[in-house]
Amino acid sequence: MNYSYKTSGTCSVKIQFDVTDGILSNVTYVGGCNGNLKGISALVEGMRVEDVIERLEGIKCGFKQTSCPDQLAKALKNIQQKTGDVNV
C-alpha cells in the first residue's frame, strides 16, 4: 500500500513510501538534502518496518528535535497506530 506523510521540523516536507507485507519500499522524500535522503531511501529499501523504526527513531539533526530519518520512523509508527498492525 502507498503512503504519504507530511513531515514536521525538517527541511523535507513530505515522505512517500510503500509497505507490502511489512516490507518498506519506494521511499522518496520531497525537499531536504537530496543526496543524503536518496542514501537513506536506498538503505531502508526492502527492510522490515519494525527494523526501520528501531534504527531511525530518535535521530536528531543538529539542534532540531527530529530529523528526516526520525520523521520516517514517525510516519511508520503513525501507520501502525492507525491500522493496529505492527507489520503494516
Protein backbone atom coordinates (compact mmCIF):
# COMPACT_ATOMS: atom_id res chain seq x y z
CA MET A 1 0.00 0.00 0.00
CA ASN A 2 1.22 3.51 -0.82
CA TYR A 3 1.51 6.12 1.93
CA SER A 4 2.29 9.81 2.13
CA TYR A 5 3.40 11.57 5.32
CA LYS A 6 3.71 15.33 5.88
CA THR A 7 6.90 15.89 7.84
CA SER A 8 7.38 18.36 10.67
CA GLY A 9 10.52 20.14 11.86
CA THR A 10 12.73 19.12 8.93
CA CYS A 11 13.88 20.52 5.59
CA SER A 12 11.93 17.82 3.78
CA VAL A 13 8.19 18.46 3.61
CA LYS A 14 6.82 15.02 2.73
CA ILE A 15 7.78 11.35 2.59
CA GLN A 16 6.15 8.88 0.22
CA PHE A 17 6.63 5.12 0.50
CA ASP A 18 5.08 1.70 0.03
CA VAL A 19 4.61 -1.04 2.58
CA THR A 20 3.80 -4.57 1.44
CA ASP A 21 3.62 -7.43 3.93
CA GLY A 22 5.60 -5.39 6.47
CA ILE A 23 8.39 -4.55 3.99
CA LEU A 24 9.28 -0.95 3.13
CA SER A 25 9.96 0.11 -0.47
CA ASN A 26 9.97 3.08 -2.84
CA VAL A 27 10.84 5.67 -0.18
CA THR A 28 11.07 9.19 -1.60
CA TYR A 29 11.42 12.50 0.20
CA VAL A 30 10.17 15.83 -1.09
CA GLY A 31 12.62 18.61 -0.25
CA GLY A 32 15.59 18.24 2.06
CA CYS A 33 19.18 17.21 1.34
CA ASN A 34 18.84 15.27 -1.90
CA GLY A 35 21.94 13.06 -1.67
CA ASN A 36 21.50 12.15 1.99
CA LEU A 37 17.84 11.35 1.55
CA LYS A 38 18.49 9.20 -1.51
CA GLY A 39 21.04 7.35 0.63
CA ILE A 40 18.55 6.78 3.45
CA SER A 41 15.96 5.62 0.93
CA ALA A 42 18.39 3.12 -0.60
CA LEU A 43 19.47 1.80 2.81
CA VAL A 44 15.93 1.12 4.06
CA GLU A 45 14.71 -0.42 0.77
CA GLY A 46 13.46 -3.95 1.48
CA MET A 47 13.75 -3.65 5.26
CA ARG A 48 11.05 -4.69 7.71
CA VAL A 49 9.06 -1.74 9.05
CA GLU A 50 9.87 -2.54 12.69
CA ASP A 51 13.61 -2.69 11.89
CA VAL A 52 13.49 0.72 10.19
CA ILE A 53 11.71 2.22 13.21
CA GLU A 54 14.24 0.69 15.60
CA ARG A 55 17.22 2.06 13.65
CA LEU A 56 15.95 5.53 12.78
CA GLU A 57 13.73 6.60 15.67
CA GLY A 58 15.17 9.40 17.78
CA ILE A 59 17.90 10.55 15.37
CA LYS A 60 18.28 14.33 15.60
CA CYS A 61 19.60 16.82 13.05
CA GLY A 62 21.81 19.46 14.63
CA PHE A 63 19.83 21.32 17.27
CA LYS A 64 16.48 20.13 15.93
CA GLN A 65 14.49 17.63 17.97
CA THR A 66 13.93 15.45 14.89
CA SER A 67 15.47 14.61 11.51
CA CYS A 68 14.43 13.22 8.15
CA PRO A 69 15.25 9.64 9.27
CA ASP A 70 13.31 10.19 12.53
CA GLN A 71 10.36 11.51 10.51
CA LEU A 72 10.30 8.26 8.51
CA ALA A 73 10.19 6.30 11.77
CA LYS A 74 7.35 8.55 12.97
CA ALA A 75 5.47 8.01 9.71
CA LEU A 76 5.75 4.24 10.05
CA LYS A 77 4.69 4.31 13.72
CA ASN A 78 1.75 6.53 12.81
CA ILE A 79 0.55 3.97 10.27
CA GLN A 80 0.98 1.16 12.79
CA GLN A 81 -1.15 3.04 15.30
CA LYS A 82 -3.86 3.86 12.77
CA THR A 83 -4.09 0.31 11.43
CA GLY A 84 -3.35 -1.50 14.68
CA ASP A 85 -0.92 -3.68 12.75
CA VAL A 86 2.78 -3.68 13.74
CA ASN A 87 3.61 -5.26 10.38
CA VAL A 88 1.67 -2.58 8.46
